[in-house]
Amino acid sequence: MVASYEPKEFGVTNRDDIKWMSTRLSPMPWHTHDQPIRIINPLAKRLTKSYICCSGFGDSQFKAQKSPANWDYHELMKGHDVMITAPEELTQLLNALAKNES
């Protein structure tokens, strides 16, 4: 099964963003939601792991997912496509996480 959505379903309302996204969207395999993450690189296993929940997405399967054990949890009250709708806030969080890692 493959999931396919429109930008507005993810909270993207800016006309220019929708136009930009529409040329790049592709169906997503459904099993991306139920297959566990496998980290096999030994160096990567030592890094701090962080889970960013974009909780402004409404009622969806994404909210039901929990942060894996021993991962840092962070929440942004933004939609699923936060990298498009609120790139500054996401960048600030990612930069803060990177600084904590170094």
N, C-alpha and C. Protein backbone atom coordinates (compact mmCIF):
# COMPACT_ATOMS: atom_id res chain seq x y z
N MET A 1 0.85 -1.18 0.00
CA MET A 1 0.00 0.00 0.00
C MET A 1 0.89 1.24 0.00
N VAL A 2 0.47 2.25 -0.70
CA VAL A 2 1.24 3.49 -0.80
C VAL A 2 0.33 4.65 -0.41
N ALA A 3 0.85 5.54 0.44
CA ALA A 3 0.10 6.72 0.85
C ALA A 3 0.44 7.88 -0.08
N SER A 4 -0.58 8.65 -0.45
CA SER A 4 -0.37 9.81 -1.30
C SER A 4 -1.23 10.95 -0.78
N TYR A 5 -0.65 12.13 -0.64
CA TYR A 5 -1.34 13.27 -0.05
C TYR A 5 -1.09 14.54 -0.86
N GLU A 6 -1.89 15.53 -0.58
CA GLU A 6 -1.72 16.85 -1.16
C GLU A 6 -1.09 17.77 -0.12
N PRO A 7 -0.36 18.82 -0.53
CA PRO A 7 0.29 19.72 0.43
C PRO A 7 -0.66 20.29 1.48
N LYS A 8 -1.88 20.67 1.09
CA LYS A 8 -2.82 21.27 2.05
C LYS A 8 -3.17 20.31 3.17
N GLU A 9 -3.12 19.00 2.89
CA GLU A 9 -3.42 18.02 3.93
C GLU A 9 -2.36 18.02 5.03
N PHE A 10 -1.20 18.58 4.74
CA PHE A 10 -0.11 18.66 5.71
C PHE A 10 0.06 20.06 6.27
N GLY A 11 -0.93 20.91 6.04
CA GLY A 11 -0.89 22.25 6.63
C GLY A 11 -0.15 23.28 5.81
N VAL A 12 0.24 22.95 4.60
CA VAL A 12 0.93 23.91 3.74
C VAL A 12 -0.13 24.71 2.99
N THR A 13 -0.18 26.01 3.22
CA THR A 13 -1.22 26.84 2.63
C THR A 13 -0.67 27.94 1.73
N ASN A 14 0.60 28.24 1.81
CA ASN A 14 1.21 29.26 0.97
C ASN A 14 1.24 28.77 -0.48
N ARG A 15 0.68 29.58 -1.38
CA ARG A 15 0.55 29.18 -2.79
C ARG A 15 1.90 28.84 -3.42
N ASP A 16 2.93 29.63 -3.13
CA ASP A 16 4.26 29.37 -3.70
C ASP A 16 4.84 28.06 -3.17
N ASP A 17 4.63 27.79 -1.88
CA ASP A 17 5.10 26.53 -1.29
C ASP A 17 4.38 25.34 -1.91
N ILE A 18 3.08 25.47 -2.11
CA ILE A 18 2.30 24.38 -2.71
C ILE A 18 2.80 24.11 -4.12
N LYS A 19 3.04 25.15 -4.89
CA LYS A 19 3.54 24.98 -6.25
C LYS A 19 4.89 24.29 -6.24
N TRP A 20 5.78 24.72 -5.35
CA TRP A 20 7.11 24.14 -5.24
C TRP A 20 7.03 22.67 -4.84
N MET A 21 6.19 22.38 -3.84
CA MET A 21 6.06 21.00 -3.35
C MET A 21 5.44 20.07 -4.38
N SER A 22 4.45 20.56 -5.09
CA SER A 22 3.68 19.71 -6.00
C SER A 22 4.55 19.06 -7.07
N THR A 23 5.63 19.72 -7.45
CA THR A 23 6.52 19.13 -8.46
C THR A 23 7.46 18.10 -7.84
N ARG A 24 7.48 17.99 -6.52
CA ARG A 24 8.42 17.11 -5.84
C ARG A 24 7.76 15.96 -5.08
N LEU A 25 6.46 16.00 -4.93
CA LEU A 25 5.76 14.97 -4.16
C LEU A 25 5.78 13.63 -4.89
N SER A 26 5.90 12.57 -4.10
CA SER A 26 5.78 11.23 -4.64
C SER A 26 5.13 10.36 -3.57
N PRO A 27 4.48 9.28 -3.97
CA PRO A 27 3.84 8.41 -2.97
C PRO A 27 4.88 7.86 -1.99
N MET A 28 4.45 7.65 -0.77
CA MET A 28 5.32 7.12 0.28
C MET A 28 4.90 5.70 0.62
N PRO A 29 5.83 4.75 0.60
CA PRO A 29 5.47 3.38 0.99
C PRO A 29 4.93 3.36 2.42
N TRP A 30 3.84 2.66 2.62
CA TRP A 30 3.17 2.65 3.91
C TRP A 30 4.04 2.07 5.02
N HIS A 31 4.89 1.12 4.70
CA HIS A 31 5.67 0.46 5.76
C HIS A 31 6.71 1.38 6.40
N THR A 32 6.86 2.60 5.90
CA THR A 32 7.74 3.54 6.60
C THR A 32 7.19 3.85 7.98
N HIS A 33 5.92 3.53 8.23
CA HIS A 33 5.28 3.79 9.52
C HIS A 33 5.43 2.64 10.51
N ASP A 34 5.72 1.46 10.02
CA ASP A 34 5.73 0.33 10.95
C ASP A 34 7.03 -0.49 10.95
N GLN A 35 8.00 -0.08 10.16
CA GLN A 35 9.27 -0.78 10.20
C GLN A 35 10.20 -0.08 11.19
N PRO A 36 10.81 -0.83 12.08
CA PRO A 36 11.69 -0.20 13.07
C PRO A 36 12.95 0.39 12.43
N ILE A 37 13.48 1.39 13.08
CA ILE A 37 14.74 2.00 12.64
C ILE A 37 15.87 1.04 13.00
N ARG A 38 16.76 0.81 12.05
CA ARG A 38 17.93 -0.03 12.32
C ARG A 38 19.18 0.83 12.16
N ILE A 39 19.92 0.97 13.21
CA ILE A 39 21.18 1.72 13.16
C ILE A 39 22.30 0.70 13.28
N ILE A 40 23.03 0.52 12.18
CA ILE A 40 24.06 -0.52 12.17
C ILE A 40 25.48 0.04 12.20
N ASN A 41 25.65 1.32 11.93
CA ASN A 41 26.97 1.93 11.97
C ASN A 41 27.37 2.09 13.44
N PRO A 42 28.49 1.50 13.86
CA PRO A 42 28.88 1.57 15.27
C PRO A 42 29.12 3.00 15.77
N LEU A 43 29.61 3.88 14.91
CA LEU A 43 29.81 5.27 15.32
C LEU A 43 28.47 5.98 15.53
N ALA A 44 27.52 5.71 14.69
CA ALA A 44 26.20 6.32 14.82
C ALA A 44 25.48 5.85 16.08
N LYS A 45 25.76 4.64 16.49
CA LYS A 45 25.11 4.10 17.70
C LYS A 45 25.50 4.89 18.94
N ARG A 46 26.66 5.58 18.91
CA ARG A 46 27.11 6.35 20.07
C ARG A 46 26.53 7.75 20.12
N LEU A 47 25.95 8.22 19.03
CA LEU A 47 25.38 9.57 19.00
C LEU A 47 24.09 9.65 19.80
N THR A 48 23.83 10.83 20.35
CA THR A 48 22.56 11.07 21.02
C THR A 48 21.46 11.05 19.97
N LYS A 49 20.36 10.41 20.28
CA LYS A 49 19.23 10.33 19.35
C LYS A 49 18.14 11.28 19.82
N SER A 50 17.50 11.95 18.88
CA SER A 50 16.43 12.90 19.19
C SER A 50 15.21 12.61 18.33
N TYR A 51 14.05 12.73 18.94
CA TYR A 51 12.77 12.56 18.26
C TYR A 51 12.07 13.90 18.28
N ILE A 52 11.72 14.42 17.12
CA ILE A 52 11.02 15.71 17.03
C ILE A 52 9.58 15.43 16.62
N CYS A 53 8.67 15.73 17.50
CA CYS A 53 7.24 15.54 17.23
C CYS A 53 6.66 16.88 16.78
N CYS A 54 6.09 16.90 15.59
CA CYS A 54 5.41 18.10 15.08
C CYS A 54 3.94 17.94 15.44
N SER A 55 3.59 18.42 16.62
CA SER A 55 2.29 18.12 17.21
C SER A 55 1.15 19.00 16.70
N GLY A 56 1.44 19.95 15.83
CA GLY A 56 0.39 20.78 15.28
C GLY A 56 -0.24 20.18 14.04
N PHE A 57 -0.04 18.91 13.82
CA PHE A 57 -0.52 18.24 12.62
C PHE A 57 -1.96 17.76 12.74
N GLY A 58 -2.56 17.89 13.89
CA GLY A 58 -3.94 17.42 14.04
C GLY A 58 -3.98 15.95 14.44
N ASP A 59 -5.12 15.35 14.26
CA ASP A 59 -5.28 13.94 14.61
C ASP A 59 -4.71 13.07 13.49
N SER A 60 -3.65 12.39 13.79
CA SER A 60 -3.03 11.55 12.77
C SER A 60 -2.24 10.43 13.43
N GLN A 61 -1.76 9.52 12.59
CA GLN A 61 -0.95 8.42 13.07
C GLN A 61 0.38 8.91 13.61
N PHE A 62 0.84 10.10 13.18
CA PHE A 62 2.13 10.59 13.63
C PHE A 62 2.11 10.92 15.12
N LYS A 63 0.99 11.46 15.61
CA LYS A 63 0.90 11.77 17.04
C LYS A 63 0.93 10.52 17.89
N ALA A 64 0.44 9.42 17.33
CA ALA A 64 0.37 8.18 18.10
C ALA A 64 1.75 7.58 18.31
N GLN A 65 2.71 7.94 17.48
CA GLN A 65 4.04 7.39 17.62
C GLN A 65 4.72 7.97 18.84
N LYS A 66 5.48 7.17 19.49
CA LYS A 66 6.18 7.60 20.70
C LYS A 66 7.68 7.67 20.42
N SER A 67 8.33 8.49 21.19
CA SER A 67 9.78 8.57 21.10
C SER A 67 10.37 7.23 21.53
N PRO A 68 11.30 6.69 20.75
CA PRO A 68 11.93 5.44 21.16
C PRO A 68 12.66 5.60 22.51
N ALA A 69 12.80 4.51 23.20
CA ALA A 69 13.50 4.53 24.49
C ALA A 69 14.88 5.14 24.32
N ASN A 70 15.29 5.88 25.29
CA ASN A 70 16.58 6.59 25.38
C ASN A 70 16.85 7.58 24.25
N TRP A 71 15.80 8.10 23.63
CA TRP A 71 15.93 9.20 22.67
C TRP A 71 15.43 10.46 23.36
N ASP A 72 16.05 11.61 23.07
CA ASP A 72 15.55 12.88 23.56
C ASP A 72 14.27 13.22 22.81
N TYR A 73 13.31 13.78 23.52
CA TYR A 73 12.02 14.14 22.90
C TYR A 73 11.92 15.66 22.79
N HIS A 74 11.53 16.14 21.63
CA HIS A 74 11.34 17.57 21.39
C HIS A 74 10.03 17.74 20.64
N GLU A 75 9.33 18.81 20.95
CA GLU A 75 8.03 19.03 20.33
C GLU A 75 7.97 20.42 19.70
N LEU A 76 7.49 20.46 18.47
CA LEU A 76 7.22 21.72 17.79
C LEU A 76 5.72 21.75 17.51
N MET A 77 5.06 22.82 17.91
CA MET A 77 3.62 22.95 17.68
C MET A 77 3.40 23.42 16.24
N LYS A 78 3.88 22.63 15.32
CA LYS A 78 3.80 22.93 13.89
C LYS A 78 3.29 21.70 13.16
N GLY A 79 3.00 21.88 11.87
CA GLY A 79 2.50 20.78 11.07
C GLY A 79 3.61 19.84 10.61
N HIS A 80 3.19 18.82 9.90
CA HIS A 80 4.09 17.76 9.44
C HIS A 80 5.22 18.29 8.56
N ASP A 81 4.95 19.26 7.72
CA ASP A 81 5.96 19.81 6.83
C ASP A 81 6.60 21.05 7.41
N VAL A 82 7.04 20.95 8.65
CA VAL A 82 7.63 22.07 9.38
C VAL A 82 8.83 22.65 8.65
N MET A 83 9.53 21.84 7.88
CA MET A 83 10.70 22.34 7.15
C MET A 83 10.30 23.33 6.07
N ILE A 84 9.00 23.34 5.70
CA ILE A 84 8.49 24.28 4.70
C ILE A 84 7.71 25.40 5.37
N THR A 85 6.91 25.07 6.37
CA THR A 85 6.04 26.07 6.99
C THR A 85 6.70 26.87 8.10
N ALA A 86 7.74 26.32 8.73
CA ALA A 86 8.43 27.02 9.82
C ALA A 86 9.91 26.66 9.83
N PRO A 87 10.62 26.93 8.73
CA PRO A 87 12.01 26.50 8.66
C PRO A 87 12.92 27.13 9.70
N GLU A 88 12.62 28.37 10.11
CA GLU A 88 13.48 29.03 11.10
C GLU A 88 13.42 28.32 12.45
N GLU A 89 12.22 27.96 12.88
CA GLU A 89 12.08 27.28 14.17
C GLU A 89 12.73 25.90 14.14
N LEU A 90 12.54 25.19 13.05
CA LEU A 90 13.16 23.87 12.93
C LEU A 90 14.68 23.99 12.91
N THR A 91 15.20 24.98 12.18
CA THR A 91 16.64 25.20 12.11
C THR A 91 17.22 25.51 13.49
N GLN A 92 16.52 26.34 14.27
CA GLN A 92 16.99 26.66 15.62
C GLN A 92 17.08 25.40 16.48
N LEU A 93 16.06 24.54 16.40
CA LEU A 93 16.08 23.31 17.18
C LEU A 93 17.21 22.40 16.72
N LEU A 94 17.34 22.21 15.42
CA LEU A 94 18.40 21.34 14.90
C LEU A 94 19.79 21.87 15.25
N ASN A 95 19.98 23.18 15.17
CA ASN A 95 21.27 23.77 15.55
C ASN A 95 21.55 23.55 17.04
N ALA A 96 20.53 23.71 17.88
CA ALA A 96 20.71 23.48 19.31
C ALA A 96 21.07 22.01 19.58
N LEU A 97 20.44 21.09 18.89
CA LEU A 97 20.76 19.67 19.07
C LEU A 97 22.18 19.38 18.61
N ALA A 98 22.60 20.00 17.50
CA ALA A 98 23.96 19.79 17.00
C ALA A 98 24.99 20.33 17.97
N LYS A 99 24.71 21.48 18.58
CA LYS A 99 25.64 22.06 19.56
C LYS A 99 25.78 21.16 20.78
N ASN A 100 24.69 20.55 21.19
CA ASN A 100 24.73 19.63 22.33
C ASN A 100 25.54 18.39 22.03
N GLU A 101 25.62 18.03 20.76
CA GLU A 101 26.35 16.81 20.36
C GLU A 101 27.84 17.05 20.31
N SER A 102 28.26 18.28 20.05
CA SER A 102 29.70 18.54 19.88
C SER A 102 30.39 18.79 21.20
